[in-house]
């Protein structure tokens, strides 16, 4: 996965106790666990995947390696992409919304 890409949400979401509920118009709703919710909260359309990894690592480095954080972040982001919840954009893209079908 290209860690320089910037993930951008394609869904509506609500924070609920213990995580998030995402609404995807095509596939319905999806409940997230605590780890996925943590990663989702970092996806704001301005941070690259690498920056998300680094931020999470700074918060959880006592108990985790940077390699482990990279693995779970990339796995979660790929899962979000596979479910149609977000897209990856280049830093210089004008607007990720223009990439939708």
PDB file of N, CA and C in Angstrom:
ATOM      1  N   UNK A   1       0.853  -1.181   0.000  1.00  0.00           N
ATOM      2  CA  UNK A   1       0.000   0.000   0.000  1.00  0.00           C
ATOM      3  C   UNK A   1       0.892   1.234   0.000  1.00  0.00           C
ATOM      4  N   UNK A   2       0.546   2.195  -0.816  1.00  0.00           N
ATOM      5  CA  UNK A   2       1.303   3.446  -0.885  1.00  0.00           C
ATOM      6  C   UNK A   2       0.963   4.302   0.330  1.00  0.00           C
ATOM      7  N   UNK A   3       1.912   4.449   1.237  1.00  0.00           N
ATOM      8  CA  UNK A   3       1.669   5.146   2.492  1.00  0.00           C
ATOM      9  C   UNK A   3       1.598   6.654   2.334  1.00  0.00           C
ATOM     10  N   UNK A   4       1.894   7.165   1.147  1.00  0.00           N
ATOM     11  CA  UNK A   4       1.796   8.605   0.897  1.00  0.00           C
ATOM     12  C   UNK A   4       0.374   9.015   0.502  1.00  0.00           C
ATOM     13  N   UNK A   5      -0.471   8.046   0.146  1.00  0.00           N
ATOM     14  CA  UNK A   5      -1.858   8.335  -0.232  1.00  0.00           C
ATOM     15  C   UNK A   5      -2.626   8.862   0.975  1.00  0.00           C
ATOM     16  N   UNK A   6      -3.673   9.640   0.687  1.00  0.00           N
ATOM     17  CA  UNK A   6      -4.496  10.240   1.735  1.00  0.00           C
ATOM     18  C   UNK A   6      -5.889   9.622   1.664  1.00  0.00           C
ATOM     19  N   UNK A   7      -6.298   8.864   2.707  1.00  0.00           N
ATOM     20  CA  UNK A   7      -7.634   8.282   2.687  1.00  0.00           C
ATOM     21  C   UNK A   7      -8.706   9.343   2.935  1.00  0.00           C
ATOM     22  N   UNK A   8      -9.826   9.218   2.218  1.00  0.00           N
ATOM     23  CA  UNK A   8     -10.930  10.165   2.355  1.00  0.00           C
ATOM     24  C   UNK A   8     -12.240   9.388   2.422  1.00  0.00           C
ATOM     25  N   UNK A   9     -13.043   9.677   3.428  1.00  0.00           N
ATOM     26  CA  UNK A   9     -14.303   8.981   3.671  1.00  0.00           C
ATOM     27  C   UNK A   9     -15.316   9.208   2.557  1.00  0.00           C
ATOM     28  N   UNK A  10     -16.108   8.156   2.277  1.00  0.00           N
ATOM     29  CA  UNK A  10     -17.200   8.235   1.312  1.00  0.00           C
ATOM     30  C   UNK A  10     -18.538   7.965   1.998  1.00  0.00           C
ATOM     31  N   UNK A  11     -18.593   8.077   3.321  1.00  0.00           N
ATOM     32  CA  UNK A  11     -19.784   7.671   4.061  1.00  0.00           C
ATOM     33  C   UNK A  11     -20.217   8.735   5.058  1.00  0.00           C
ATOM     34  N   UNK A  12     -21.394   8.529   5.601  1.00  0.00           N
ATOM     35  CA  UNK A  12     -21.852   9.268   6.773  1.00  0.00           C
ATOM     36  C   UNK A  12     -21.505   8.422   7.980  1.00  0.00           C
ATOM     37  N   UNK A  13     -21.170   9.033   9.115  1.00  0.00           N
ATOM     38  CA  UNK A  13     -20.877   8.227  10.291  1.00  0.00           C
ATOM     39  C   UNK A  13     -21.362   8.908  11.555  1.00  0.00           C
ATOM     40  N   UNK A  14     -21.674   8.066  12.522  1.00  0.00           N
ATOM     41  CA  UNK A  14     -22.098   8.523  13.833  1.00  0.00           C
ATOM     42  C   UNK A  14     -21.262   7.823  14.878  1.00  0.00           C
ATOM     43  N   UNK A  15     -20.839   8.585  15.877  1.00  0.00           N
ATOM     44  CA  UNK A  15     -20.102   7.986  16.982  1.00  0.00           C
ATOM     45  C   UNK A  15     -21.116   7.434  17.976  1.00  0.00           C
ATOM     46  N   UNK A  16     -20.898   6.207  18.388  1.00  0.00           N
ATOM     47  CA  UNK A  16     -21.745   5.568  19.387  1.00  0.00           C
ATOM     48  C   UNK A  16     -20.839   4.991  20.459  1.00  0.00           C
ATOM     49  N   UNK A  17     -21.408   4.606  21.569  1.00  0.00           N
ATOM     50  CA  UNK A  17     -20.618   4.026  22.644  1.00  0.00           C
ATOM     51  C   UNK A  17     -19.862   2.805  22.126  1.00  0.00           C
ATOM     52  N   UNK A  18     -18.553   2.826  22.281  1.00  0.00           N
ATOM     53  CA  UNK A  18     -17.732   1.700  21.871  1.00  0.00           C
ATOM     54  C   UNK A  18     -17.308   1.707  20.417  1.00  0.00           C
ATOM     55  N   UNK A  19     -17.637   2.743  19.654  1.00  0.00           N
ATOM     56  CA  UNK A  19     -17.184   2.758  18.268  1.00  0.00           C
ATOM     57  C   UNK A  19     -17.975   3.704  17.394  1.00  0.00           C
ATOM     58  N   UNK A  20     -18.091   3.336  16.141  1.00  0.00           N
ATOM     59  CA  UNK A  20     -18.776   4.147  15.139  1.00  0.00           C
ATOM     60  C   UNK A  20     -19.762   3.282  14.374  1.00  0.00           C
ATOM     61  N   UNK A  21     -20.807   3.917  13.864  1.00  0.00           N
ATOM     62  CA  UNK A  21     -21.701   3.291  12.895  1.00  0.00           C
ATOM     63  C   UNK A  21     -21.525   4.077  11.606  1.00  0.00           C
ATOM     64  N   UNK A  22     -21.185   3.397  10.535  1.00  0.00           N
ATOM     65  CA  UNK A  22     -21.021   4.035   9.232  1.00  0.00           C
ATOM     66  C   UNK A  22     -22.204   3.677   8.359  1.00  0.00           C
ATOM     67  N   UNK A  23     -22.657   4.647   7.601  1.00  0.00           N
ATOM     68  CA  UNK A  23     -23.763   4.409   6.683  1.00  0.00           C
ATOM     69  C   UNK A  23     -23.240   4.531   5.256  1.00  0.00           C
ATOM     70  N   UNK A  24     -23.304   3.445   4.530  1.00  0.00           N
ATOM     71  CA  UNK A  24     -22.942   3.418   3.121  1.00  0.00           C
ATOM     72  C   UNK A  24     -24.239   3.208   2.351  1.00  0.00           C
ATOM     73  N   UNK A  25     -24.583   4.138   1.487  1.00  0.00           N
ATOM     74  CA  UNK A  25     -25.863   4.090   0.777  1.00  0.00           C
ATOM     75  C   UNK A  25     -26.052   2.799  -0.015  1.00  0.00           C
ATOM     76  N   UNK A  26     -24.977   2.218  -0.498  1.00  0.00           N
ATOM     77  CA  UNK A  26     -25.094   1.017  -1.327  1.00  0.00           C
ATOM     78  C   UNK A  26     -25.179  -0.266  -0.518  1.00  0.00           C
ATOM     79  N   UNK A  27     -24.438  -0.330   0.590  1.00  0.00           N
ATOM     80  CA  UNK A  27     -24.354  -1.600   1.306  1.00  0.00           C
ATOM     81  C   UNK A  27     -24.996  -1.594   2.682  1.00  0.00           C
ATOM     82  N   UNK A  28     -25.566  -0.482   3.114  1.00  0.00           N
ATOM     83  CA  UNK A  28     -26.202  -0.446   4.421  1.00  0.00           C
ATOM     84  C   UNK A  28     -25.270   0.064   5.499  1.00  0.00           C
ATOM     85  N   UNK A  29     -25.502  -0.372   6.745  1.00  0.00           N
ATOM     86  CA  UNK A  29     -24.688   0.155   7.832  1.00  0.00           C
ATOM     87  C   UNK A  29     -23.642  -0.858   8.284  1.00  0.00           C
ATOM     88  N   UNK A  30     -22.615  -0.355   8.927  1.00  0.00           N
ATOM     89  CA  UNK A  30     -21.498  -1.172   9.382  1.00  0.00           C
ATOM     90  C   UNK A  30     -21.089  -0.698  10.765  1.00  0.00           C
ATOM     91  N   UNK A  31     -21.017  -1.603  11.721  1.00  0.00           N
ATOM     92  CA  UNK A  31     -20.534  -1.277  13.063  1.00  0.00           C
ATOM     93  C   UNK A  31     -19.036  -1.570  13.113  1.00  0.00           C
ATOM     94  N   UNK A  32     -18.287  -0.705  13.795  1.00  0.00           N
ATOM     95  CA  UNK A  32     -16.837  -0.875  13.901  1.00  0.00           C
ATOM     96  C   UNK A  32     -16.430  -1.183  15.334  1.00  0.00           C
ATOM     97  N   UNK A  33     -15.358  -1.976  15.462  1.00  0.00           N
ATOM     98  CA  UNK A  33     -14.798  -2.216  16.782  1.00  0.00           C
ATOM     99  C   UNK A  33     -13.915  -1.035  17.188  1.00  0.00           C
ATOM    100  N   UNK A  34     -13.342  -1.101  18.373  1.00  0.00           N
ATOM    101  CA  UNK A  34     -12.558   0.013  18.910  1.00  0.00           C
ATOM    102  C   UNK A  34     -11.338   0.341  18.048  1.00  0.00           C
ATOM    103  N   UNK A  35     -10.633  -0.680  17.571  1.00  0.00           N
ATOM    104  CA  UNK A  35      -9.437  -0.446  16.754  1.00  0.00           C
ATOM    105  C   UNK A  35      -9.798   0.207  15.425  1.00  0.00           C
ATOM    106  N   UNK A  36     -10.798  -0.334  14.752  1.00  0.00           N
ATOM    107  CA  UNK A  36     -11.229   0.263  13.484  1.00  0.00           C
ATOM    108  C   UNK A  36     -11.740   1.682  13.690  1.00  0.00           C
ATOM    109  N   UNK A  37     -12.434   1.914  14.793  1.00  0.00           N
ATOM    110  CA  UNK A  37     -12.941   3.255  15.100  1.00  0.00           C
ATOM    111  C   UNK A  37     -11.807   4.241  15.318  1.00  0.00           C
ATOM    112  N   UNK A  38     -10.758   3.799  16.003  1.00  0.00           N
ATOM    113  CA  UNK A  38      -9.588   4.650  16.229  1.00  0.00           C
ATOM    114  C   UNK A  38      -8.978   5.072  14.892  1.00  0.00           C
ATOM    115  N   UNK A  39      -8.803   4.120  14.000  1.00  0.00           N
ATOM    116  CA  UNK A  39      -8.229   4.413  12.683  1.00  0.00           C
ATOM    117  C   UNK A  39      -9.177   5.312  11.895  1.00  0.00           C
ATOM    118  N   UNK A  40     -10.472   5.022  11.930  1.00  0.00           N
ATOM    119  CA  UNK A  40     -11.457   5.812  11.194  1.00  0.00           C
ATOM    120  C   UNK A  40     -11.434   7.277  11.629  1.00  0.00           C
ATOM    121  N   UNK A  41     -11.310   7.522  12.930  1.00  0.00           N
ATOM    122  CA  UNK A  41     -11.279   8.899  13.446  1.00  0.00           C
ATOM    123  C   UNK A  41     -10.099   9.685  12.898  1.00  0.00           C
ATOM    124  N   UNK A  42      -9.024   9.014  12.543  1.00  0.00           N
ATOM    125  CA  UNK A  42      -7.836   9.687  12.002  1.00  0.00           C
ATOM    126  C   UNK A  42      -8.006  10.055  10.527  1.00  0.00           C
ATOM    127  N   UNK A  43      -8.960   9.442   9.855  1.00  0.00           N
ATOM    128  CA  UNK A  43      -9.171   9.689   8.428  1.00  0.00           C
ATOM    129  C   UNK A  43      -9.989  10.965   8.278  1.00  0.00           C
ATOM    130  N   UNK A  44      -9.291  12.055   7.999  1.00  0.00           N
ATOM    131  CA  UNK A  44      -9.961  13.355   7.889  1.00  0.00           C
ATOM    132  C   UNK A  44      -9.778  13.991   6.516  1.00  0.00           C
ATOM    133  N   UNK A  45      -9.174  13.251   5.588  1.00  0.00           N
ATOM    134  CA  UNK A  45      -8.969  13.776   4.242  1.00  0.00           C
ATOM    135  C   UNK A  45      -7.728  14.627   4.090  1.00  0.00           C
ATOM    136  N   UNK A  46      -6.969  14.795   5.188  1.00  0.00           N
ATOM    137  CA  UNK A  46      -5.746  15.596   5.089  1.00  0.00           C
ATOM    138  C   UNK A  46      -4.497  14.813   5.473  1.00  0.00           C
ATOM    139  N   UNK A  47      -4.642  13.779   6.287  1.00  0.00           N
ATOM    140  CA  UNK A  47      -3.492  12.985   6.719  1.00  0.00           C
ATOM    141  C   UNK A  47      -3.223  11.840   5.749  1.00  0.00           C
ATOM    142  N   UNK A  48      -1.946  11.616   5.445  1.00  0.00           N
ATOM    143  CA  UNK A  48      -1.575  10.449   4.641  1.00  0.00           C
ATOM    144  C   UNK A  48      -1.648   9.204   5.525  1.00  0.00           C
ATOM    145  N   UNK A  49      -1.615   8.053   4.905  1.00  0.00           N
ATOM    146  CA  UNK A  49      -1.601   6.804   5.660  1.00  0.00           C
ATOM    147  C   UNK A  49      -0.392   6.782   6.585  1.00  0.00           C
ATOM    148  N   UNK A  50       0.758   7.216   6.091  1.00  0.00           N
ATOM    149  CA  UNK A  50       1.969   7.251   6.916  1.00  0.00           C
ATOM    150  C   UNK A  50       1.777   8.146   8.140  1.00  0.00           C
ATOM    151  N   UNK A  51       1.144   9.287   7.958  1.00  0.00           N
ATOM    152  CA  UNK A  51       0.905  10.199   9.084  1.00  0.00           C
ATOM    153  C   UNK A  51      -0.065   9.592  10.095  1.00  0.00           C
ATOM    154  N   UNK A  52      -1.062   8.864   9.616  1.00  0.00           N
ATOM    155  CA  UNK A  52      -1.993   8.176  10.515  1.00  0.00           C
ATOM    156  C   UNK A  52      -1.245   7.132  11.329  1.00  0.00           C
ATOM    157  N   UNK A  53      -0.392   6.361  10.663  1.00  0.00           N
ATOM    158  CA  UNK A  53       0.414   5.346  11.348  1.00  0.00           C
ATOM    159  C   UNK A  53       1.267   5.997  12.425  1.00  0.00           C
ATOM    160  N   UNK A  54       1.939   7.075  12.088  1.00  0.00           N
ATOM    161  CA  UNK A  54       2.819   7.748  13.043  1.00  0.00           C
ATOM    162  C   UNK A  54       2.050   8.309  14.233  1.00  0.00           C
ATOM    163  N   UNK A  55       0.875   8.892  13.993  1.00  0.00           N
ATOM    164  CA  UNK A  55       0.067   9.426  15.096  1.00  0.00           C
ATOM    165  C   UNK A  55      -0.382   8.315  16.039  1.00  0.00           C
ATOM    166  N   UNK A  56      -0.862   7.209  15.472  1.00  0.00           N
ATOM    167  CA  UNK A  56      -1.315   6.099  16.308  1.00  0.00           C
ATOM    168  C   UNK A  56      -0.136   5.495  17.054  1.00  0.00           C
ATOM    169  N   UNK A  57       1.002   5.370  16.386  1.00  0.00           N
ATOM    170  CA  UNK A  57       2.187   4.830  17.053  1.00  0.00           C
ATOM    171  C   UNK A  57       2.590   5.703  18.237  1.00  0.00           C
ATOM    172  N   UNK A  58       2.530   7.011  18.096  1.00  0.00           N
ATOM    173  CA  UNK A  58       2.889   7.901  19.206  1.00  0.00           C
ATOM    174  C   UNK A  58       1.968   7.684  20.408  1.00  0.00           C
ATOM    175  N   UNK A  59       0.719   7.366  20.155  1.00  0.00           N
ATOM    176  CA  UNK A  59      -0.242   7.131  21.233  1.00  0.00           C
ATOM    177  C   UNK A  59      -0.070   5.755  21.880  1.00  0.00           C
ATOM    178  N   UNK A  60       0.371   4.762  21.099  1.00  0.00           N
ATOM    179  CA  UNK A  60       0.377   3.377  21.571  1.00  0.00           C
ATOM    180  C   UNK A  60       1.742   2.702  21.490  1.00  0.00           C
ATOM    181  N   UNK A  61       2.823   3.469  21.414  1.00  0.00           N
ATOM    182  CA  UNK A  61       4.147   2.871  21.212  1.00  0.00           C
ATOM    183  C   UNK A  61       4.645   2.074  22.411  1.00  0.00           C
ATOM    184  N   UNK A  62       4.095   2.306  23.573  1.00  0.00           N
ATOM    185  CA  UNK A  62       4.528   1.554  24.753  1.00  0.00           C
ATOM    186  C   UNK A  62       4.316   0.052  24.570  1.00  0.00           C
ATOM    187  N   UNK A  63       3.212  -0.307  23.931  1.00  0.00           N
ATOM    188  CA  UNK A  63       2.855  -1.721  23.807  1.00  0.00           C
ATOM    189  C   UNK A  63       2.925  -2.273  22.386  1.00  0.00           C
ATOM    190  N   UNK A  64       3.367  -1.456  21.403  1.00  0.00           N
ATOM    191  CA  UNK A  64       3.325  -1.878  20.002  1.00  0.00           C
ATOM    192  C   UNK A  64       4.556  -1.406  19.239  1.00  0.00           C
ATOM    193  N   UNK A  65       4.880  -2.126  18.177  1.00  0.00           N
ATOM    194  CA  UNK A  65       5.953  -1.686  17.283  1.00  0.00           C
ATOM    195  C   UNK A  65       5.342  -0.878  16.141  1.00  0.00           C
ATOM    196  N   UNK A  66       6.160  -0.065  15.495  1.00  0.00           N
ATOM    197  CA  UNK A  66       5.681   0.704  14.341  1.00  0.00           C
ATOM    198  C   UNK A  66       5.227  -0.245  13.228  1.00  0.00           C
ATOM    199  N   UNK A  67       5.909  -1.366  13.083  1.00  0.00           N
ATOM    200  CA  UNK A  67       5.549  -2.354  12.055  1.00  0.00           C
ATOM    201  C   UNK A  67       4.148  -2.914  12.312  1.00  0.00           C
ATOM    202  N   UNK A  68       3.848  -3.213  13.574  1.00  0.00           N
ATOM    203  CA  UNK A  68       2.523  -3.741  13.916  1.00  0.00           C
ATOM    204  C   UNK A  68       1.438  -2.702  13.641  1.00  0.00           C
ATOM    205  N   UNK A  69       1.693  -1.458  14.038  1.00  0.00           N
ATOM    206  CA  UNK A  69       0.728  -0.381  13.790  1.00  0.00           C
ATOM    207  C   UNK A  69       0.504  -0.223  12.286  1.00  0.00           C
ATOM    208  N   UNK A  70       1.585  -0.261  11.509  1.00  0.00           N
ATOM    209  CA  UNK A  70       1.461  -0.150  10.048  1.00  0.00           C
ATOM    210  C   UNK A  70       0.589  -1.272   9.491  1.00  0.00           C
ATOM    211  N   UNK A  71       0.796  -2.492   9.975  1.00  0.00           N
ATOM    212  CA  UNK A  71       0.012  -3.636   9.493  1.00  0.00           C
ATOM    213  C   UNK A  71      -1.472  -3.463   9.772  1.00  0.00           C
ATOM    214  N   UNK A  72      -1.828  -3.066  11.004  1.00  0.00           N
ATOM    215  CA  UNK A  72      -3.255  -2.969  11.320  1.00  0.00           C
ATOM    216  C   UNK A  72      -3.906  -1.775  10.622  1.00  0.00           C
ATOM    217  N   UNK A  73      -3.172  -0.673  10.480  1.00  0.00           N
ATOM    218  CA  UNK A  73      -3.729   0.491   9.782  1.00  0.00           C
ATOM    219  C   UNK A  73      -3.956   0.156   8.308  1.00  0.00           C
ATOM    220  N   UNK A  74      -2.960  -0.434   7.664  1.00  0.00           N
ATOM    221  CA  UNK A  74      -3.099  -0.783   6.241  1.00  0.00           C
ATOM    222  C   UNK A  74      -4.207  -1.811   6.030  1.00  0.00           C
ATOM    223  N   UNK A  75      -4.303  -2.784   6.926  1.00  0.00           N
ATOM    224  CA  UNK A  75      -5.362  -3.791   6.820  1.00  0.00           C
ATOM    225  C   UNK A  75      -6.740  -3.137   6.971  1.00  0.00           C
ATOM    226  N   UNK A  76      -6.888  -2.247   7.939  1.00  0.00           N
ATOM    227  CA  UNK A  76      -8.175  -1.575   8.149  1.00  0.00           C
ATOM    228  C   UNK A  76      -8.527  -0.692   6.959  1.00  0.00           C
ATOM    229  N   UNK A  77      -7.563   0.076   6.462  1.00  0.00           N
ATOM    230  CA  UNK A  77      -7.830   0.964   5.328  1.00  0.00           C
ATOM    231  C   UNK A  77      -8.195   0.153   4.092  1.00  0.00           C
ATOM    232  N   UNK A  78      -7.503  -0.959   3.854  1.00  0.00           N
ATOM    233  CA  UNK A  78      -7.851  -1.809   2.716  1.00  0.00           C
ATOM    234  C   UNK A  78      -9.259  -2.373   2.876  1.00  0.00           C
ATOM    235  N   UNK A  79      -9.622  -2.746   4.095  1.00  0.00           N
ATOM    236  CA  UNK A  79     -10.975  -3.239   4.361  1.00  0.00           C
ATOM    237  C   UNK A  79     -12.011  -2.144   4.098  1.00  0.00           C
ATOM    238  N   UNK A  80     -11.718  -0.906   4.520  1.00  0.00           N
ATOM    239  CA  UNK A  80     -12.622   0.219   4.257  1.00  0.00           C
ATOM    240  C   UNK A  80     -12.781   0.445   2.747  1.00  0.00           C
ATOM    241  N   UNK A  81     -11.679   0.344   2.015  1.00  0.00           N
ATOM    242  CA  UNK A  81     -11.729   0.508   0.555  1.00  0.00           C
ATOM    243  C   UNK A  81     -12.571  -0.605  -0.064  1.00  0.00           C
ATOM    244  N   UNK A  82     -12.310  -1.853   0.348  1.00  0.00           N
ATOM    245  CA  UNK A  82     -13.035  -3.002  -0.194  1.00  0.00           C
ATOM    246  C   UNK A  82     -14.542  -2.894   0.052  1.00  0.00           C
ATOM    247  N   UNK A  83     -14.919  -2.268   1.161  1.00  0.00           N
ATOM    248  CA  UNK A  83     -16.335  -2.101   1.500  1.00  0.00           C
ATOM    249  C   UNK A  83     -16.923  -0.834   0.880  1.00  0.00           C
ATOM    250  N   UNK A  84     -16.114  -0.094   0.123  1.00  0.00           N
ATOM    251  CA  UNK A  84     -16.599   1.116  -0.534  1.00  0.00           C
ATOM    252  C   UNK A  84     -16.782   2.301   0.396  1.00  0.00           C
ATOM    253  N   UNK A  85     -16.065   2.300   1.525  1.00  0.00           N
ATOM    254  CA  UNK A  85     -16.236   3.355   2.522  1.00  0.00           C
ATOM    255  C   UNK A  85     -15.317   4.543   2.320  1.00  0.00           C
ATOM    256  N   UNK A  86     -14.234   4.359   1.594  1.00  0.00           N
ATOM    257  CA  UNK A  86     -13.323   5.476   1.357  1.00  0.00           C
ATOM    258  C   UNK A  86     -12.550   5.282   0.075  1.00  0.00           C
ATOM    259  N   UNK A  87     -11.890   6.341  -0.334  1.00  0.00           N
ATOM    260  CA  UNK A  87     -11.008   6.327  -1.497  1.00  0.00           C
ATOM    261  C   UNK A  87      -9.646   6.818  -1.047  1.00  0.00           C
ATOM    262  N   UNK A  88      -8.634   6.550  -1.855  1.00  0.00           N
ATOM    263  CA  UNK A  88      -7.301   7.091  -1.613  1.00  0.00           C
ATOM    264  C   UNK A  88      -7.038   8.165  -2.644  1.00  0.00           C
ATOM    265  N   UNK A  89      -6.549   9.297  -2.190  1.00  0.00           N
ATOM    266  CA  UNK A  89      -6.252  10.393  -3.111  1.00  0.00           C
ATOM    267  C   UNK A  89      -4.798  10.797  -2.966  1.00  0.00           C
ATOM    268  N   UNK A  90      -4.293  11.443  -3.993  1.00  0.00           N
ATOM    269  CA  UNK A  90      -2.950  11.998  -3.958  1.00  0.00           C
ATOM    270  C   UNK A  90      -2.991  13.300  -3.171  1.00  0.00           C
ATOM    271  N   UNK A  91      -1.868  13.697  -2.621  1.00  0.00           N
ATOM    272  CA  UNK A  91      -1.815  14.934  -1.844  1.00  0.00           C
ATOM    273  C   UNK A  91      -2.236  16.139  -2.675  1.00  0.00           C
ATOM    274  N   UNK A  92      -1.922  16.115  -3.971  1.00  0.00           N
ATOM    275  CA  UNK A  92      -2.217  17.271  -4.806  1.00  0.00           C
ATOM    276  C   UNK A  92      -3.569  17.184  -5.523  1.00  0.00           C
ATOM    277  N   UNK A  93      -4.380  16.161  -5.215  1.00  0.00           N
ATOM    278  CA  UNK A  93      -5.721  16.091  -5.797  1.00  0.00           C
ATOM    279  C   UNK A  93      -6.536  17.280  -5.314  1.00  0.00           C
ATOM    280  N   UNK A  94      -7.278  17.898  -6.229  1.00  0.00           N
ATOM    281  CA  UNK A  94      -8.109  19.036  -5.845  1.00  0.00           C
ATOM    282  C   UNK A  94      -9.214  18.626  -4.895  1.00  0.00           C
ATOM    283  N   UNK A  95      -9.878  17.554  -5.217  1.00  0.00           N
ATOM    284  CA  UNK A  95     -10.999  17.123  -4.408  1.00  0.00           C
ATOM    285  C   UNK A  95     -11.256  15.655  -4.670  1.00  0.00           C
ATOM    286  N   UNK A  96     -11.162  14.832  -3.631  1.00  0.00           N
ATOM    287  CA  UNK A  96     -11.388  13.410  -3.779  1.00  0.00           C
ATOM    288  C   UNK A  96     -12.789  13.070  -4.238  1.00  0.00           C
ATOM    289  N   UNK A  97     -13.761  13.944  -3.949  1.00  0.00           N
ATOM    290  CA  UNK A  97     -15.141  13.680  -4.354  1.00  0.00           C
ATOM    291  C   UNK A  97     -15.269  13.603  -5.864  1.00  0.00           C
ATOM    292  N   UNK A  98     -14.395  14.243  -6.592  1.00  0.00           N
ATOM    293  CA  UNK A  98     -14.465  14.220  -8.047  1.00  0.00           C
ATOM    294  C   UNK A  98     -14.145  12.840  -8.608  1.00  0.00           C
ATOM    295  N   UNK A  99     -13.602  11.957  -7.777  1.00  0.00           N
ATOM    296  CA  UNK A  99     -13.213  10.630  -8.233  1.00  0.00           C
ATOM    297  C   UNK A  99     -14.353   9.621  -8.154  1.00  0.00           C
ATOM    298  N   UNK A 100     -15.467  10.000  -7.577  1.00  0.00           N
ATOM    299  CA  UNK A 100     -16.574   9.057  -7.439  1.00  0.00           C
ATOM    300  C   UNK A 100     -17.206   8.770  -8.786  1.00  0.00           C
ATOM    301  N   UNK A 101     -17.762   7.596  -8.880  1.00  0.00           N
ATOM    302  CA  UNK A 101     -18.432   7.196 -10.118  1.00  0.00           C
ATOM    303  C   UNK A 101     -19.811   7.797 -10.178  1.00  0.00           C
TER     304      UNK A 101
END
